[in-house]
Amino acid sequence: MKPIKFLIVGLCLLLSSCGPVTYFGDSLAPTSSVDIYYSAHDVKKNYDVIGHLSFVNYFSAGQETVKARLSAYAKKIGADGIIILGTTAVEDAADGIVKADALKYK
């Protein structure tokens, strides 16, 4: 019975760790909405970059899922927008790491 418990616990840990968002930067009061951009040239408002987000896409989450996870985290840290910078290929992640800058409008 014990090997089954270890298998179940291991599977739960694996599934709960899929697509963690990591953040390095400042945290401000939470916001209620976040604009999503794909280039700094698209942002028409003055802004400061308050930090950098990364999403490890272990299970090949679709673009909408990735945007939703990054946007939800950006709201928590008080960002008004994010610029999705692209994907970096990683051997142990099916679609790599998606990186984004967190923005605060001036």
Protein backbone atom coordinates (compact mmCIF):
# COMPACT_ATOMS: atom_id res chain seq x y z
CA MET A 1 0.00 0.00 0.00
CA LYS A 2 2.86 2.38 0.74
CA PRO A 3 4.20 2.48 -2.85
CA ILE A 4 0.76 3.58 -4.06
CA LYS A 5 0.72 6.41 -1.50
CA PHE A 6 4.11 7.62 -2.69
CA LEU A 7 2.96 7.48 -6.29
CA ILE A 8 -0.18 9.48 -5.50
CA VAL A 9 1.75 12.06 -3.48
CA GLY A 10 4.34 12.38 -6.24
CA LEU A 11 1.68 12.81 -8.90
CA CYS A 12 -0.09 15.47 -6.82
CA LEU A 13 3.16 17.38 -6.36
CA LEU A 14 3.90 17.20 -10.07
CA LEU A 15 0.45 18.44 -11.07
CA SER A 16 0.39 21.21 -8.48
CA SER A 17 3.73 22.53 -9.71
CA CYS A 18 2.69 22.88 -13.33
CA GLY A 19 3.11 26.35 -14.61
CA PRO A 20 4.37 28.23 -11.58
CA VAL A 21 4.75 31.97 -12.04
CA THR A 22 7.91 33.44 -10.58
CA TYR A 23 8.43 37.15 -10.03
CA PHE A 24 11.33 39.43 -9.29
CA GLY A 25 10.50 43.06 -8.62
CA ASP A 26 8.41 45.47 -6.62
CA SER A 27 4.95 44.67 -5.28
CA LEU A 28 2.29 47.36 -5.05
CA ALA A 29 -1.41 47.45 -4.18
CA PRO A 30 -3.33 44.86 -6.24
CA THR A 31 -5.05 45.99 -9.43
CA SER A 32 -8.33 44.84 -10.95
CA SER A 33 -7.28 44.63 -14.60
CA VAL A 34 -4.10 44.14 -16.58
CA ASP A 35 -3.44 45.11 -20.20
CA ILE A 36 -1.45 42.60 -22.26
CA TYR A 37 1.08 43.71 -24.87
CA TYR A 38 3.57 41.88 -27.06
CA SER A 39 5.92 44.81 -27.71
CA ALA A 40 6.95 47.93 -25.80
CA HIS A 41 6.07 49.90 -28.95
CA ASP A 42 2.41 48.97 -28.47
CA VAL A 43 2.19 50.64 -25.03
CA LYS A 44 0.84 54.16 -25.60
CA LYS A 45 0.95 55.24 -21.94
CA ASN A 46 3.98 56.29 -19.92
CA TYR A 47 5.04 53.46 -17.62
CA ASP A 48 7.74 52.04 -15.41
CA VAL A 49 8.80 48.40 -15.43
CA ILE A 50 8.25 47.25 -11.84
CA GLY A 51 9.48 43.68 -12.30
CA HIS A 52 9.88 40.55 -14.37
CA LEU A 53 7.53 37.55 -14.57
CA SER A 54 8.32 34.01 -15.73
CA PHE A 55 5.88 31.17 -16.38
CA VAL A 56 7.27 27.65 -16.66
CA ASN A 57 5.06 25.91 -19.19
CA TYR A 58 5.63 22.26 -18.17
CA PHE A 59 2.48 20.82 -19.69
CA SER A 60 2.20 22.85 -22.89
CA ALA A 61 -0.57 25.10 -21.62
CA GLY A 62 -2.19 27.02 -24.45
CA GLN A 63 -1.59 30.72 -25.02
CA GLU A 64 -4.82 31.72 -23.31
CA THR A 65 -3.91 29.77 -20.18
CA VAL A 66 -0.43 31.31 -20.10
CA LYS A 67 -1.84 34.83 -20.54
CA ALA A 68 -4.43 34.21 -17.83
CA ARG A 69 -1.81 32.96 -15.34
CA LEU A 70 0.55 35.88 -16.03
CA SER A 71 -2.31 38.39 -15.89
CA ALA A 72 -3.65 37.00 -12.60
CA TYR A 73 -0.22 37.20 -11.01
CA ALA A 74 0.34 40.71 -12.38
CA LYS A 75 -2.90 41.85 -10.71
CA LYS A 76 -1.64 40.50 -7.37
CA ILE A 77 1.60 42.48 -7.57
CA GLY A 78 -0.13 45.70 -8.65
CA ALA A 79 0.80 45.84 -12.33
CA ASP A 80 -1.35 47.76 -14.81
CA GLY A 81 0.00 45.85 -17.78
CA ILE A 82 2.45 43.22 -18.95
CA ILE A 83 4.62 42.96 -22.02
CA ILE A 84 5.05 39.33 -23.04
CA LEU A 85 8.66 39.12 -24.19
CA GLY A 86 8.66 35.62 -25.62
CA THR A 87 9.52 32.02 -24.84
CA THR A 88 12.85 30.49 -23.93
CA ALA A 89 13.25 26.81 -24.75
CA VAL A 90 14.14 24.57 -21.82
CA GLU A 91 14.84 20.85 -21.96
CA ASP A 92 12.44 19.82 -19.16
CA ALA A 93 9.57 22.16 -20.11
CA ALA A 94 7.52 21.24 -23.16
CA ASP A 95 7.04 24.83 -24.33
CA GLY A 96 9.75 26.49 -22.28
CA ILE A 97 9.59 29.56 -20.09
CA VAL A 98 7.40 32.51 -21.06
CA LYS A 99 8.84 35.82 -19.83
CA ALA A 100 7.07 39.13 -19.34
CA ASP A 101 7.73 42.59 -17.92
CA ALA A 102 5.27 43.96 -15.34
CA LEU A 103 4.25 47.59 -15.97
CA LYS A 104 2.90 50.36 -13.77
CA TYR A 105 1.41 53.33 -15.61
CA LYS A 106 2.57 56.79 -14.52
